[in-house]
Amino acid sequence: MKITAFKTYIVPPRWLFLKVETDEGIFGWGEPVVEGRAHTVETAVKELSDQLIGKDPMQIEDLWNVMYRGGFYRGGPILMSAIAGIDQALWDIKGKAYNQPVHQLLGGKCRDRIRTYSWVGGDRPSDVATAAKEAVAKGFTALKMNGAAEMQIVDGYDKVEAVIETVSTVRSAVGPHIGLCVDFHGRVHRPMAKVLIRELEPYKLMFIEEPLLPEHSDSIAEVVRGSSTPIAAGERLYSRWDFRDLLERRVVDIIQPDLSHAGGITECRKIAAMAEAYDVALAPHCPLGPIALAACLQLDAVSYNAFIQEQSLNIHYNGEGCDLLDYLVDPSVFDYSQGMITIPDGPGLGIEINEAVVIEQAKIGHRWRNPLWRHKDGSVAEW
């Protein structure tokens, strides 16, 4: 079998889909994208395809090394996301060729389903209590919300009180036993992170996500000192070498590699195994589309330390006609029940993409950009 073509589709709301074709008619789908940089990653995919056309798609480990080590420069969000989507498609091809789900090729699944959580609210941490109750009514047993709007490196206590009021309102609305996760989103710098983590302690959070920007991960131990709340991080790390530093510092309880950013299934399988050796949990980052989610679920199936899966159904970024399930021939393959999602057992990634819908939506495309926030003094704020 030989790879014959790479076809990319930029589709709303903010995704990039990749179809890799072969001379035997078997094809695979991947989702190589950096949110807000879809066209850049698309170019990187096309550059990498020069080294893969004509090659055997079954030799995934070798092709991964060709993409990663075959160029002088390596790492970073663009290259690793391009590699990730190609890797997903190669695993999809291999599974279809053997008529087996990817998790079976990786040794067989250790779970049939995994807990999942729903995003509530938008970019501003307000008016989320109603959305939280609606999500719980749909069966979700865990929720995640943004923890803060703009916050300067040292800010007023009114900002802290606003966060606490929102979290308190949501906790009161859903009760004490719904898992509640608060994402700092890298918006909070070290001086204010120490304050917020201390003040959030009474609300018994499932975890606090990205308490500091990834470039300041060496300070996480300092800001969480004395707190019992689990700490999650890793959505902006792109390789096992990035995660090695985080794990060796022993500052996080949960890692969140993104299978569309961190080298795909091949690399994230290794990252997950590294984390297990440090007794660190796995919760793959995935506010993306159905291909990315399918890849995550294949990894969740074979990773003992996986405990919860992010997913984007009804997330505020998505819109009518371009939500998570709208690109699937059979949306029921993602079986949501009792706050969990079933691991797909179909060949490859276990999903069937509706290519006709993809082609039509690609005519619309997108140029999604994250909001640009500024503080009151005019300086740029972290989003």
Protein backbone atom coordinates (compact mmCIF):
# COMPACT_ATOMS: atom_id res chain seq x y z
CA MET A 1 0.00 0.00 0.00
CA LYS A 2 1.25 3.49 -0.87
CA ILE A 3 0.12 6.99 0.13
CA THR A 4 -1.16 8.81 -2.95
CA ALA A 5 -2.73 12.09 -1.83
CA PHE A 6 -3.32 14.56 0.99
CA LYS A 7 -6.55 16.56 0.89
CA THR A 8 -7.21 19.34 3.42
CA TYR A 9 -10.51 21.00 4.30
CA ILE A 10 -10.80 24.15 6.38
CA VAL A 11 -14.26 23.91 7.89
CA PRO A 12 -16.27 25.93 10.43
CA PRO A 13 -16.31 26.65 13.26
CA ARG A 14 -12.46 26.65 13.47
CA TRP A 15 -11.23 23.25 12.35
CA LEU A 16 -8.97 21.70 9.71
CA PHE A 17 -9.69 18.18 8.47
CA LEU A 18 -7.20 16.05 6.54
CA LYS A 19 -7.92 13.06 4.30
CA VAL A 20 -4.97 10.82 3.42
CA GLU A 21 -5.61 8.53 0.44
CA THR A 22 -3.85 5.36 -0.71
CA ASP A 23 -3.53 3.35 -3.91
CA GLU A 24 -5.69 0.58 -2.44
CA GLY A 25 -8.68 2.85 -1.90
CA ILE A 26 -8.31 2.88 1.89
CA PHE A 27 -8.22 6.39 3.34
CA GLY A 28 -7.84 7.93 6.77
CA TRP A 29 -8.96 11.14 8.44
CA GLY A 30 -7.00 13.40 10.78
CA GLU A 31 -7.50 16.77 12.42
CA PRO A 32 -4.27 18.82 12.26
CA VAL A 33 -5.04 22.29 13.54
CA VAL A 34 -3.96 25.07 15.84
CA GLU A 35 -6.97 27.16 16.73
CA GLY A 36 -6.52 30.50 14.98
CA ARG A 37 -3.66 29.18 12.80
CA ALA A 38 -5.49 26.67 10.61
CA HIS A 39 -4.08 27.99 7.33
CA THR A 40 -0.54 27.91 8.69
CA VAL A 41 -0.89 24.29 9.80
CA GLU A 42 -2.45 23.44 6.44
CA THR A 43 0.72 24.69 4.75
CA ALA A 44 2.87 22.62 7.11
CA VAL A 45 0.82 19.51 6.26
CA LYS A 46 1.39 20.09 2.57
CA GLU A 47 5.13 20.53 3.15
CA LEU A 48 5.31 17.28 5.13
CA SER A 49 3.38 15.46 2.41
CA ASP A 50 6.41 15.82 0.11
CA GLN A 51 8.21 13.27 2.29
CA LEU A 52 5.24 10.89 2.61
CA ILE A 53 3.69 10.55 -0.85
CA GLY A 54 4.60 7.12 -2.19
CA LYS A 55 5.46 5.73 1.25
CA ASP A 56 3.80 2.80 3.03
CA PRO A 57 1.20 4.24 5.45
CA MET A 58 1.44 1.18 7.67
CA GLN A 59 4.95 2.16 8.83
CA ILE A 60 3.62 4.74 11.27
CA GLU A 61 6.55 4.88 13.67
CA ASP A 62 9.04 5.38 10.86
CA LEU A 63 6.92 8.01 9.14
CA TRP A 64 6.51 9.84 12.45
CA ASN A 65 10.29 10.00 12.79
CA VAL A 66 10.65 11.13 9.20
CA MET A 67 8.30 14.04 9.90
CA TYR A 68 9.83 14.93 13.26
CA ARG A 69 13.53 14.15 12.77
CA GLY A 70 13.77 14.52 9.01
CA GLY A 71 13.86 18.31 9.21
CA PHE A 72 16.51 20.28 11.04
CA TYR A 73 13.94 22.31 13.04
CA ARG A 74 11.46 20.52 15.24
CA GLY A 75 8.81 20.95 17.90
CA GLY A 76 6.38 23.79 18.46
CA PRO A 77 2.64 24.07 17.83
CA ILE A 78 2.62 24.29 14.02
CA LEU A 79 4.90 21.38 13.15
CA MET A 80 3.64 19.11 15.93
CA SER A 81 -0.01 19.80 15.04
CA ALA A 82 0.66 19.00 11.38
CA ILE A 83 2.36 15.77 12.44
CA ALA A 84 -0.53 15.02 14.81
CA GLY A 85 -3.23 15.16 12.15
CA ILE A 86 -1.21 13.07 9.70
CA ASP A 87 -0.50 10.52 12.43
CA GLN A 88 -4.23 10.26 13.25
CA ALA A 89 -5.00 9.62 9.58
CA LEU A 90 -2.29 6.94 9.34
CA TRP A 91 -3.71 5.10 12.33
CA ASP A 92 -7.19 5.38 10.78
CA ILE A 93 -5.84 3.79 7.59
CA LYS A 94 -4.08 1.00 9.48
CA GLY A 95 -7.16 0.17 11.52
CA LYS A 96 -9.34 0.06 8.42
CA ALA A 97 -6.78 -2.12 6.62
CA TYR A 98 -6.96 -4.69 9.44
CA ASN A 99 -10.68 -4.06 10.11
CA GLN A 100 -9.86 -3.26 13.74
CA PRO A 101 -10.21 -0.21 15.96
CA VAL A 102 -6.97 1.60 16.72
CA HIS A 103 -7.18 0.63 20.38
CA GLN A 104 -7.05 -3.04 19.38
CA LEU A 105 -3.83 -2.42 17.44
CA LEU A 106 -2.41 -0.71 20.54
CA GLY A 107 -2.99 -3.77 22.71
CA GLY A 108 -6.71 -3.71 23.40
CA LYS A 109 -8.83 -1.43 25.53
CA CYS A 110 -8.79 -1.40 29.33
CA ARG A 111 -12.14 0.42 29.54
CA ASP A 112 -15.35 0.54 27.53
CA ARG A 113 -16.23 4.16 28.22
CA ILE A 114 -14.85 7.21 29.94
CA ARG A 115 -16.25 10.07 31.96
CA THR A 116 -16.56 13.34 30.06
CA TYR A 117 -17.29 16.93 30.95
CA SER A 118 -19.23 19.76 29.42
CA TRP A 119 -18.04 23.34 29.00
CA VAL A 120 -20.35 25.89 30.55
CA GLY A 121 -20.41 29.61 29.91
CA GLY A 122 -18.34 31.56 27.44
CA ASP A 123 -15.15 33.52 27.71
CA ARG A 124 -16.52 35.64 30.55
CA PRO A 125 -17.14 33.90 33.87
CA SER A 126 -20.69 35.19 34.32
CA ASP A 127 -24.22 33.88 33.78
CA VAL A 128 -22.99 30.28 33.84
CA ALA A 129 -25.14 28.83 36.61
CA THR A 130 -28.11 28.28 34.30
CA ALA A 131 -25.90 26.65 31.68
CA ALA A 132 -24.38 24.46 34.38
CA LYS A 133 -27.79 23.22 35.52
CA GLU A 134 -28.78 22.52 31.91
CA ALA A 135 -25.62 20.44 31.38
CA VAL A 136 -26.30 18.43 34.53
CA ALA A 137 -29.87 17.87 33.36
CA LYS A 138 -28.42 16.34 30.17
CA GLY A 139 -26.52 13.81 32.27
CA PHE A 140 -23.08 15.36 32.61
CA THR A 141 -21.48 14.73 35.99
CA ALA A 142 -18.55 17.10 35.46
CA LEU A 143 -18.34 20.68 34.18
CA LYS A 144 -15.57 23.09 33.26
CA MET A 145 -15.66 26.86 33.19
CA ASN A 146 -13.24 29.69 32.61
CA GLY A 147 -12.04 31.05 35.91
CA ALA A 148 -11.22 34.66 35.09
CA ALA A 149 -11.51 37.41 32.54
CA GLU A 150 -8.62 39.83 32.07
CA MET A 151 -6.33 39.85 35.07
CA GLN A 152 -3.18 41.90 35.26
CA ILE A 153 -0.02 40.56 36.84
CA VAL A 154 -1.08 42.23 40.10
CA ASP A 155 -4.75 43.14 40.15
CA GLY A 156 -7.49 44.29 42.50
CA TYR A 157 -9.36 42.06 44.89
CA ASP A 158 -12.57 42.92 43.04
CA LYS A 159 -11.35 40.61 40.26
CA VAL A 160 -10.82 37.83 42.78
CA GLU A 161 -14.26 38.37 44.28
CA ALA A 162 -15.84 38.16 40.82
CA VAL A 163 -14.26 34.75 40.23
CA ILE A 164 -15.29 33.47 43.64
CA GLU A 165 -18.86 34.70 43.18
CA THR A 166 -19.18 32.86 39.88
CA VAL A 167 -17.70 29.60 41.18
CA SER A 168 -19.80 29.81 44.33
CA THR A 169 -22.96 30.38 42.31
CA VAL A 170 -22.26 27.40 40.07
CA ARG A 171 -21.39 25.15 43.00
CA SER A 172 -24.63 26.12 44.73
CA ALA A 173 -26.59 25.50 41.51
CA VAL A 174 -25.27 21.98 40.83
CA GLY A 175 -24.62 20.71 44.35
CA PRO A 176 -21.55 19.31 46.06
CA HIS A 177 -20.99 16.14 44.03
CA ILE A 178 -20.77 17.42 40.46
CA GLY A 179 -17.16 17.62 39.36
CA LEU A 180 -16.34 21.30 38.86
CA CYS A 181 -13.18 22.30 37.01
CA VAL A 182 -11.89 25.86 36.74
CA ASP A 183 -9.62 26.83 33.86
CA PHE A 184 -7.28 29.77 34.53
CA HIS A 185 -6.41 29.56 30.80
CA GLY A 186 -3.00 31.06 31.43
CA ARG A 187 -4.71 34.39 32.08
CA VAL A 188 -3.46 34.55 35.65
CA HIS A 189 0.11 35.44 36.58
CA ARG A 190 1.96 34.13 39.62
CA PRO A 191 1.06 36.86 42.16
CA MET A 192 -2.70 36.54 41.55
CA ALA A 193 -2.65 32.76 41.03
CA LYS A 194 -1.55 32.31 44.64
CA VAL A 195 -4.53 34.34 45.82
CA LEU A 196 -7.11 32.65 43.58
CA ILE A 197 -6.02 29.11 44.37
CA ARG A 198 -6.26 29.82 48.09
CA GLU A 199 -9.71 31.41 47.78
CA LEU A 200 -11.07 28.56 45.60
CA GLU A 201 -10.07 25.86 48.07
CA PRO A 202 -13.48 25.66 49.85
CA TYR A 203 -15.35 24.79 46.63
CA LYS A 204 -13.80 21.31 46.33
CA LEU A 205 -12.86 21.58 42.68
CA MET A 206 -12.05 18.53 40.55
CA PHE A 207 -9.04 20.46 39.26
CA ILE A 208 -7.64 23.85 38.41
CA GLU A 209 -6.35 23.98 34.85
CA GLU A 210 -3.30 25.85 33.60
CA PRO A 211 -2.82 27.96 36.75
CA LEU A 212 0.16 29.64 35.09
CA LEU A 213 1.37 30.11 31.55
CA PRO A 214 3.39 27.09 30.36
CA GLU A 215 6.61 29.11 30.31
CA HIS A 216 6.23 29.57 34.08
CA SER A 217 5.45 25.95 34.96
CA ASP A 218 8.49 25.89 37.24
CA SER A 219 6.54 28.21 39.57
CA ILE A 220 3.45 26.01 39.88
CA ALA A 221 4.75 24.33 43.05
CA GLU A 222 5.04 27.73 44.69
CA VAL A 223 1.54 28.95 43.82
CA VAL A 224 -0.24 25.72 44.83
CA ARG A 225 1.61 25.28 48.12
CA GLY A 226 -0.87 24.39 50.86
CA SER A 227 -3.73 23.65 48.45
CA SER A 228 -5.33 20.22 48.10
CA THR A 229 -6.91 20.99 44.72
CA PRO A 230 -5.50 18.84 41.89
CA ILE A 231 -3.62 20.81 39.23
CA ALA A 232 -3.91 20.13 35.48
CA ALA A 233 -1.72 21.44 32.65
CA GLY A 234 -0.25 20.56 29.29
CA GLU A 235 -2.52 21.70 26.48
CA ARG A 236 0.28 23.97 25.21
CA LEU A 237 3.03 21.37 25.38
CA TYR A 238 3.86 19.52 22.19
CA SER A 239 6.12 16.54 22.79
CA ARG A 240 7.30 13.96 25.32
CA TRP A 241 10.32 16.16 25.95
CA ASP A 242 8.09 19.10 26.92
CA PHE A 243 6.10 16.86 29.26
CA ARG A 244 9.25 15.29 30.73
CA ASP A 245 10.17 18.59 32.36
CA LEU A 246 6.66 19.02 33.77
CA LEU A 247 6.58 15.49 35.15
CA GLU A 248 10.06 15.59 36.62
CA ARG A 249 9.17 18.71 38.62
CA ARG A 250 6.21 16.82 40.14
CA VAL A 251 4.05 19.94 40.10
CA VAL A 252 0.92 18.63 38.33
CA ASP A 253 -1.57 15.89 39.11
CA ILE A 254 -3.18 15.72 35.67
CA ILE A 255 -1.64 16.15 32.22
CA GLN A 256 -3.68 17.34 29.25
CA PRO A 257 -1.88 16.61 25.98
CA ASP A 258 -3.89 17.55 22.88
CA LEU A 259 -3.88 14.77 20.28
CA SER A 260 -4.19 17.38 17.52
CA HIS A 261 -1.24 19.40 18.85
CA ALA A 262 1.18 16.98 20.54
CA GLY A 263 2.19 14.65 17.73
CA GLY A 264 -0.98 12.60 17.48
CA ILE A 265 -1.73 9.12 18.80
CA THR A 266 1.86 7.92 18.43
CA GLU A 267 3.38 10.65 20.58
CA CYS A 268 0.56 11.00 23.09
CA ARG A 269 0.62 7.26 23.80
CA LYS A 270 4.21 7.72 24.94
CA ILE A 271 3.35 10.85 26.94
CA ALA A 272 0.51 8.99 28.69
CA ALA A 273 2.82 6.12 29.63
CA MET A 274 5.41 8.57 30.99
CA ALA A 275 2.74 10.17 33.16
CA GLU A 276 1.59 6.81 34.51
CA ALA A 277 5.13 6.16 35.72
CA TYR A 278 4.84 9.34 37.82
CA ASP A 279 1.32 8.44 39.07
CA VAL A 280 -0.09 11.39 37.12
CA ALA A 281 -3.57 11.22 35.60
CA LEU A 282 -4.42 11.74 31.92
CA ALA A 283 -7.22 14.00 30.67
CA PRO A 284 -6.66 14.75 26.97
CA HIS A 285 -7.38 18.31 25.86
CA CYS A 286 -9.98 18.39 23.06
CA PRO A 287 -12.16 21.47 22.42
CA LEU A 288 -12.03 20.47 18.72
CA GLY A 289 -13.89 18.37 16.17
CA PRO A 290 -15.03 14.75 15.84
CA ILE A 291 -11.78 13.37 14.41
CA ALA A 292 -9.74 14.78 17.28
CA LEU A 293 -12.23 13.38 19.80
CA ALA A 294 -12.19 9.96 18.16
CA ALA A 295 -8.38 9.92 18.38
CA CYS A 296 -8.54 10.90 22.06
CA LEU A 297 -10.97 8.10 22.83
CA GLN A 298 -8.67 5.54 21.21
CA LEU A 299 -5.89 6.72 23.55
CA ASP A 300 -8.22 6.78 26.55
CA ALA A 301 -9.12 3.17 25.81
CA VAL A 302 -5.55 1.93 26.28
CA SER A 303 -4.32 4.33 28.98
CA TYR A 304 -4.89 3.12 32.53
CA ASN A 305 -4.36 6.62 33.96
CA ALA A 306 -7.00 8.29 31.74
CA PHE A 307 -9.94 9.41 33.89
CA ILE A 308 -11.91 12.07 32.00
CA GLN A 309 -12.21 13.35 28.44
CA GLU A 310 -12.86 16.90 27.25
CA GLN A 311 -15.24 17.27 24.31
CA SER A 312 -16.78 20.19 22.44
CA LEU A 313 -20.47 19.31 22.08
CA ASN A 314 -22.41 22.60 22.30
CA ILE A 315 -19.27 24.53 23.23
CA HIS A 316 -19.61 28.28 22.69
CA TYR A 317 -17.17 28.26 19.75
CA ASN A 318 -19.40 25.99 17.69
CA GLY A 319 -22.49 27.04 15.81
CA GLU A 320 -25.54 25.65 14.08
CA GLY A 321 -24.63 23.16 11.37
CA CYS A 322 -21.00 22.88 12.45
CA ASP A 323 -21.10 21.35 15.90
CA LEU A 324 -19.25 18.22 16.95
CA LEU A 325 -21.73 15.70 15.54
CA ASP A 326 -22.68 17.49 12.33
CA TYR A 327 -19.78 16.06 10.31
CA LEU A 328 -20.53 12.41 11.13
CA VAL A 329 -22.54 9.91 9.10
CA ASP A 330 -23.65 8.29 12.36
CA PRO A 331 -23.60 10.74 15.29
CA SER A 332 -24.63 7.97 17.70
CA VAL A 333 -21.09 6.56 17.53
CA PHE A 334 -20.31 9.04 20.32
CA ASP A 335 -22.75 7.51 22.77
CA TYR A 336 -23.25 9.96 25.64
CA SER A 337 -24.86 8.36 28.67
CA GLN A 338 -24.73 9.01 32.44
CA GLY A 339 -21.92 11.53 32.09
CA MET A 340 -19.76 9.16 30.08
CA ILE A 341 -18.91 8.54 26.43
CA THR A 342 -18.46 5.13 24.84
CA ILE A 343 -15.17 4.17 23.18
CA PRO A 344 -15.89 3.62 19.44
CA ASP A 345 -15.24 0.04 18.31
CA GLY A 346 -15.42 0.56 14.55
CA PRO A 347 -12.37 0.13 12.28
CA GLY A 348 -9.65 2.78 12.54
CA LEU A 349 -10.72 5.77 14.60
CA GLY A 350 -14.19 4.27 14.77
CA ILE A 351 -16.07 7.09 13.07
CA GLU A 352 -17.32 7.75 9.54
CA ILE A 353 -16.89 11.31 8.33
CA ASN A 354 -19.62 12.64 6.03
CA GLU A 355 -17.34 13.81 3.25
CA ALA A 356 -20.16 15.51 1.34
CA VAL A 357 -20.84 17.73 4.34
CA VAL A 358 -17.13 18.42 4.76
CA ILE A 359 -16.80 19.51 1.13
CA GLU A 360 -19.81 21.82 1.39
CA GLN A 361 -18.65 23.35 4.66
CA ALA A 362 -15.15 23.85 3.26
CA LYS A 363 -16.72 26.20 0.71
CA ILE A 364 -17.62 28.40 3.70
CA GLY A 365 -14.32 27.83 5.50
CA HIS A 366 -13.24 30.10 8.33
CA ARG A 367 -10.61 32.54 9.47
CA TRP A 368 -11.24 32.11 13.19
CA ARG A 369 -9.12 34.19 15.54
CA ASN A 370 -9.26 34.26 19.30
CA PRO A 371 -10.39 37.55 20.83
CA LEU A 372 -7.80 40.21 21.51
CA TRP A 373 -8.28 41.54 25.00
CA ARG A 374 -6.76 44.63 26.56
CA HIS A 375 -6.51 45.85 30.12
CA LYS A 376 -7.92 49.22 31.13
CA ASP A 377 -4.47 50.73 30.71
CA GLY A 378 -4.38 49.66 27.07
CA SER A 379 -1.86 46.82 27.42
CA VAL A 380 -2.62 43.46 25.83
CA ALA A 381 -4.24 40.92 28.16
CA GLU A 382 -3.78 37.16 28.08
CA TRP A 383 -6.81 35.43 26.55
